[in-house]
Amino acid sequence: MDESQTLRDLVRSAHEALAELGRARVACPANVDRFDWSADLLDELARVALEVGEAAATLAGGRDDTVDARARELATAIVRRRNDALIPLQLPARAVVCRT
């Protein structure tokens, strides 16, 4: 297999994996902390967004400021979404009652 075919296969596999993830009905596994599980997966997905920008630069033969900026924006949006989604999972602060 030549390098060109290998790259096509890698891109196709990445596309298929992301498409499958988009169709999945995802639920946090039992006995796993939902906060950590969700945060880890969304952080990894944000890193994927940055890697897509890197891959595009490699395949196009050079960096593109617009692609780089959009990849960073997508990664940032995913992290913001993670933060927004996980805020309700945190326990509310309880009022401290001093007993005398």
Protein backbone atom coordinates (compact mmCIF):
# COMPACT_ATOMS: atom_id res chain seq x y z
CA MET A 1 0.00 0.00 0.00
CA ASP A 2 1.40 3.37 -0.93
CA GLU A 3 1.52 6.42 1.31
CA SER A 4 -1.31 8.10 -0.57
CA GLN A 5 -3.64 5.17 0.08
CA THR A 6 -2.56 4.99 3.72
CA LEU A 7 -3.46 8.67 4.21
CA ARG A 8 -6.83 8.15 2.51
CA ASP A 9 -7.50 5.21 4.80
CA LEU A 10 -6.56 7.21 7.88
CA VAL A 11 -8.83 10.11 6.93
CA ARG A 12 -11.68 7.73 6.09
CA SER A 13 -11.24 5.90 9.40
CA ALA A 14 -11.27 9.18 11.33
CA HIS A 15 -14.42 10.25 9.52
CA GLU A 16 -16.13 6.93 10.22
CA ALA A 17 -15.16 7.03 13.89
CA LEU A 18 -16.52 10.56 14.34
CA ALA A 19 -19.71 9.68 12.45
CA GLU A 20 -20.21 6.65 14.68
CA LEU A 21 -19.68 8.79 17.76
CA GLY A 22 -22.28 11.25 16.48
CA ARG A 23 -24.84 8.44 16.10
CA ALA A 24 -24.06 6.76 19.42
CA ARG A 25 -26.41 6.80 22.34
CA VAL A 26 -23.85 7.49 25.01
CA ALA A 27 -24.43 6.87 28.67
CA CYS A 28 -21.93 7.10 31.45
CA PRO A 29 -20.84 3.60 32.44
CA ALA A 30 -21.97 2.33 35.84
CA ASN A 31 -19.63 2.95 38.77
CA VAL A 32 -17.87 5.80 36.93
CA ASP A 33 -17.92 9.41 38.03
CA ARG A 34 -20.01 11.22 35.39
CA PHE A 35 -18.14 14.50 35.86
CA ASP A 36 -14.72 12.95 35.21
CA TRP A 37 -16.00 10.72 32.41
CA SER A 38 -17.70 13.57 30.53
CA ALA A 39 -14.84 16.00 31.08
CA ASP A 40 -12.25 13.50 29.86
CA LEU A 41 -14.16 12.67 26.68
CA LEU A 42 -14.95 16.27 25.83
CA ASP A 43 -11.35 17.32 26.48
CA GLU A 44 -10.19 14.57 24.13
CA LEU A 45 -12.68 15.71 21.50
CA ALA A 46 -11.32 19.26 21.80
CA ARG A 47 -7.83 17.88 21.15
CA VAL A 48 -9.21 16.08 18.09
CA ALA A 49 -10.45 19.43 16.76
CA LEU A 50 -6.93 20.85 17.05
CA GLU A 51 -5.48 17.75 15.37
CA VAL A 52 -7.89 18.16 12.46
CA GLY A 53 -6.40 21.60 11.88
CA GLU A 54 -2.89 20.14 12.01
CA ALA A 55 -3.83 17.35 9.61
CA ALA A 56 -5.36 19.82 7.17
CA ALA A 57 -2.15 21.85 7.20
CA THR A 58 -0.09 18.73 6.55
CA LEU A 59 -2.28 17.51 3.70
CA ALA A 60 -2.58 20.98 2.13
CA GLY A 61 1.16 21.49 2.23
CA GLY A 62 1.17 24.42 4.63
CA ARG A 63 -0.58 26.24 7.40
CA ASP A 64 -3.66 28.34 6.83
CA ASP A 65 -4.44 30.99 9.42
CA THR A 66 -8.18 30.64 8.84
CA VAL A 67 -8.17 26.86 9.31
CA ASP A 68 -5.96 27.19 12.39
CA ALA A 69 -8.29 29.81 13.87
CA ARG A 70 -11.40 27.75 13.19
CA ALA A 71 -9.84 24.62 14.70
CA ARG A 72 -8.96 26.61 17.84
CA GLU A 73 -12.48 28.10 17.94
CA LEU A 74 -14.03 24.63 17.70
CA ALA A 75 -11.76 23.29 20.44
CA THR A 76 -12.63 26.27 22.64
CA ALA A 77 -16.36 25.83 21.96
CA ILE A 78 -16.15 22.16 22.98
CA VAL A 79 -14.37 23.04 26.21
CA ARG A 80 -16.93 25.76 26.95
CA ARG A 81 -19.72 23.28 26.30
CA ARG A 82 -18.04 20.85 28.66
CA ASN A 83 -17.85 23.50 31.33
CA ASP A 84 -21.48 24.55 30.83
CA ALA A 85 -22.74 20.98 30.82
CA LEU A 86 -20.85 19.99 33.92
CA ILE A 87 -21.78 22.94 36.12
CA PRO A 88 -25.13 21.36 37.12
CA LEU A 89 -23.29 18.18 38.09
CA GLN A 90 -21.36 19.95 40.81
CA LEU A 91 -22.87 19.87 44.26
CA PRO A 92 -24.41 23.16 45.31
CA ALA A 93 -22.60 25.01 48.04
CA ARG A 94 -24.35 24.59 51.35
CA ALA A 95 -24.81 27.35 53.77
CA VAL A 96 -22.62 27.02 56.80
CA VAL A 97 -24.56 27.00 60.03
CA CYS A 98 -22.69 27.79 63.20
CA ARG A 99 -24.07 26.13 66.29
CA THR A 100 -23.38 27.57 69.66
